[in-house]
Amino acid sequence: MYQQDLLSLGASAAVRRAGELQLDPYGRRLVGGVEEKRQLIDALLQEHVTGWDLERLGILERAILRVAAYELRWEKEVPEAVVINEAVALAKRFCSGEAGALVNGVLGSLLESSAEPDPAKSVGQEGR
């Protein structure tokens, strides 16, 4: 996804270009899914990148956020906590010192906004 953003490549071109990297089926699904949902993903992320424009973020931060946002919204087989922890770990390893906190904050906000209200929390709240 870094290549896609950096070189303006489509998903299939980026996968072909990285030929020596044998991408497993889940990785291919992520690359294709992010490309398919990119406008939706970017709109979601932009809502949660407080005080920033998504395009001003570093390419790696943006790629990490896009993959994680896709997994959180459309790949329900991976637990949300795992998605966020992996994204934060990648940001800490490959990006600036502040990137881990940024990724954690954006994804936490995204997750919170997509959570369905818990009916148990509203029981007994009527009339207050």
Protein backbone atom coordinates (compact mmCIF):
# COMPACT_ATOMS: atom_id res chain seq x y z
CA MET A 1 0.00 0.00 0.00
CA TYR A 2 2.99 2.19 0.53
CA GLN A 3 3.96 1.57 -3.11
CA GLN A 4 0.43 2.26 -4.26
CA ASP A 5 0.41 5.66 -2.59
CA LEU A 6 3.99 6.58 -3.41
CA LEU A 7 3.92 5.51 -7.05
CA SER A 8 0.19 5.96 -7.77
CA LEU A 9 -0.23 2.27 -8.56
CA GLY A 10 -3.38 0.19 -8.54
CA ALA A 11 -3.57 -2.85 -6.26
CA SER A 12 -2.79 -5.42 -8.96
CA ALA A 13 0.18 -3.41 -10.26
CA ALA A 14 1.59 -3.05 -6.74
CA VAL A 15 1.21 -6.78 -6.08
CA ARG A 16 2.90 -7.62 -9.43
CA ARG A 17 5.70 -5.12 -8.73
CA ALA A 18 6.38 -6.78 -5.39
CA GLY A 19 6.57 -10.18 -7.11
CA GLU A 20 9.33 -11.60 -4.93
CA LEU A 21 7.20 -10.98 -1.86
CA GLN A 22 4.80 -13.88 -1.80
CA LEU A 23 1.64 -12.23 -0.54
CA ASP A 24 -0.70 -14.66 1.19
CA PRO A 25 -4.44 -14.72 0.39
CA TYR A 26 -5.31 -12.53 3.39
CA GLY A 27 -2.72 -9.94 2.32
CA ARG A 28 -4.11 -9.93 -1.21
CA ARG A 29 -7.61 -9.52 0.18
CA LEU A 30 -6.43 -6.54 2.23
CA VAL A 31 -4.73 -4.87 -0.73
CA GLY A 32 -7.78 -5.36 -2.94
CA GLY A 33 -10.24 -4.43 -0.21
CA VAL A 34 -8.44 -1.21 0.68
CA GLU A 35 -8.33 -0.23 -2.98
CA GLU A 36 -12.02 -1.02 -3.45
CA LYS A 37 -13.10 0.90 -0.34
CA ARG A 38 -10.44 3.61 -0.43
CA GLN A 39 -12.80 6.57 -0.79
CA LEU A 40 -14.93 5.35 2.10
CA ILE A 41 -11.85 4.59 4.20
CA ASP A 42 -10.32 8.00 3.53
CA ALA A 43 -13.59 9.75 4.39
CA LEU A 44 -13.83 7.78 7.65
CA LEU A 45 -10.23 8.49 8.56
CA GLN A 46 -10.54 12.19 7.71
CA GLU A 47 -13.35 12.47 10.28
CA HIS A 48 -10.99 11.17 12.96
CA VAL A 49 -7.68 12.83 12.06
CA THR A 50 -8.43 15.82 14.24
CA GLY A 51 -6.90 19.06 13.04
CA TRP A 52 -5.10 17.41 10.12
CA ASP A 53 -5.69 16.65 6.50
CA LEU A 54 -5.22 12.95 5.76
CA GLU A 55 -3.05 13.83 2.76
CA ARG A 56 -0.61 15.70 5.03
CA LEU A 57 0.21 12.54 6.99
CA GLY A 58 3.25 10.52 6.03
CA ILE A 59 2.73 7.82 3.41
CA LEU A 60 3.44 5.01 5.87
CA GLU A 61 1.11 6.41 8.53
CA ARG A 62 -1.63 6.75 5.91
CA ALA A 63 -1.07 3.20 4.64
CA ILE A 64 -1.16 1.77 8.16
CA LEU A 65 -4.35 3.68 8.97
CA ARG A 66 -6.03 2.58 5.74
CA VAL A 67 -5.28 -1.10 6.30
CA ALA A 68 -6.37 -0.98 9.93
CA ALA A 69 -9.55 0.97 9.12
CA TYR A 70 -10.41 -1.60 6.45
CA GLU A 71 -9.82 -4.46 8.88
CA LEU A 72 -11.91 -2.79 11.59
CA ARG A 73 -14.87 -2.15 9.29
CA TRP A 74 -14.83 -5.01 6.79
CA GLU A 75 -12.66 -7.88 8.11
CA LYS A 76 -14.46 -9.03 11.23
CA GLU A 77 -12.41 -12.22 11.69
CA VAL A 78 -9.52 -10.29 13.29
CA PRO A 79 -10.27 -8.98 16.80
CA GLU A 80 -10.38 -5.18 16.98
CA ALA A 81 -7.75 -5.03 19.72
CA VAL A 82 -5.36 -7.06 17.56
CA VAL A 83 -5.90 -4.77 14.57
CA ILE A 84 -5.15 -1.67 16.65
CA ASN A 85 -2.16 -3.21 18.46
CA GLU A 86 -0.59 -4.35 15.17
CA ALA A 87 -1.16 -0.96 13.55
CA VAL A 88 0.39 0.87 16.52
CA ALA A 89 3.36 -1.53 16.54
CA LEU A 90 3.96 -0.93 12.81
CA ALA A 91 3.74 2.84 13.27
CA LYS A 92 6.18 2.76 16.19
CA ARG A 93 8.62 0.59 14.25
CA PHE A 94 8.58 2.30 10.85
CA CYS A 95 7.36 5.87 11.41
CA SER A 96 8.12 8.86 13.63
CA GLY A 97 8.07 8.70 17.41
CA GLU A 98 4.61 10.25 17.59
CA ALA A 99 3.07 7.98 14.95
CA GLY A 100 2.09 5.22 17.40
CA ALA A 101 0.03 7.63 19.48
CA LEU A 102 -1.53 9.15 16.35
CA VAL A 103 -2.51 5.76 14.93
CA ASN A 104 -3.87 4.62 18.30
CA GLY A 105 -5.92 7.79 18.72
CA VAL A 106 -7.37 7.79 15.21
CA LEU A 107 -8.27 4.10 15.26
CA GLY A 108 -9.67 4.31 18.79
CA SER A 109 -11.87 7.23 17.74
CA LEU A 110 -12.96 5.38 14.60
CA LEU A 111 -13.81 2.27 16.60
CA GLU A 112 -15.71 4.25 19.22
CA SER A 113 -17.79 6.04 16.60
CA SER A 114 -18.74 2.78 14.90
CA ALA A 115 -19.71 0.98 18.11
CA GLU A 116 -23.37 0.21 18.41
CA PRO A 117 -24.99 1.57 21.57
CA ASP A 118 -25.12 -0.96 24.39
CA PRO A 119 -28.79 -1.33 25.39
CA ALA A 120 -27.74 -2.46 28.88
CA LYS A 121 -26.11 0.92 29.49
CA SER A 122 -29.32 2.80 28.71
CA VAL A 123 -31.63 0.63 30.87
CA GLY A 124 -33.08 2.73 33.64
CA GLN A 125 -31.89 5.97 32.00
CA GLU A 126 -35.37 6.97 30.85
CA GLY A 127 -36.86 9.95 32.63
CA ARG A 128 -33.55 11.27 33.91
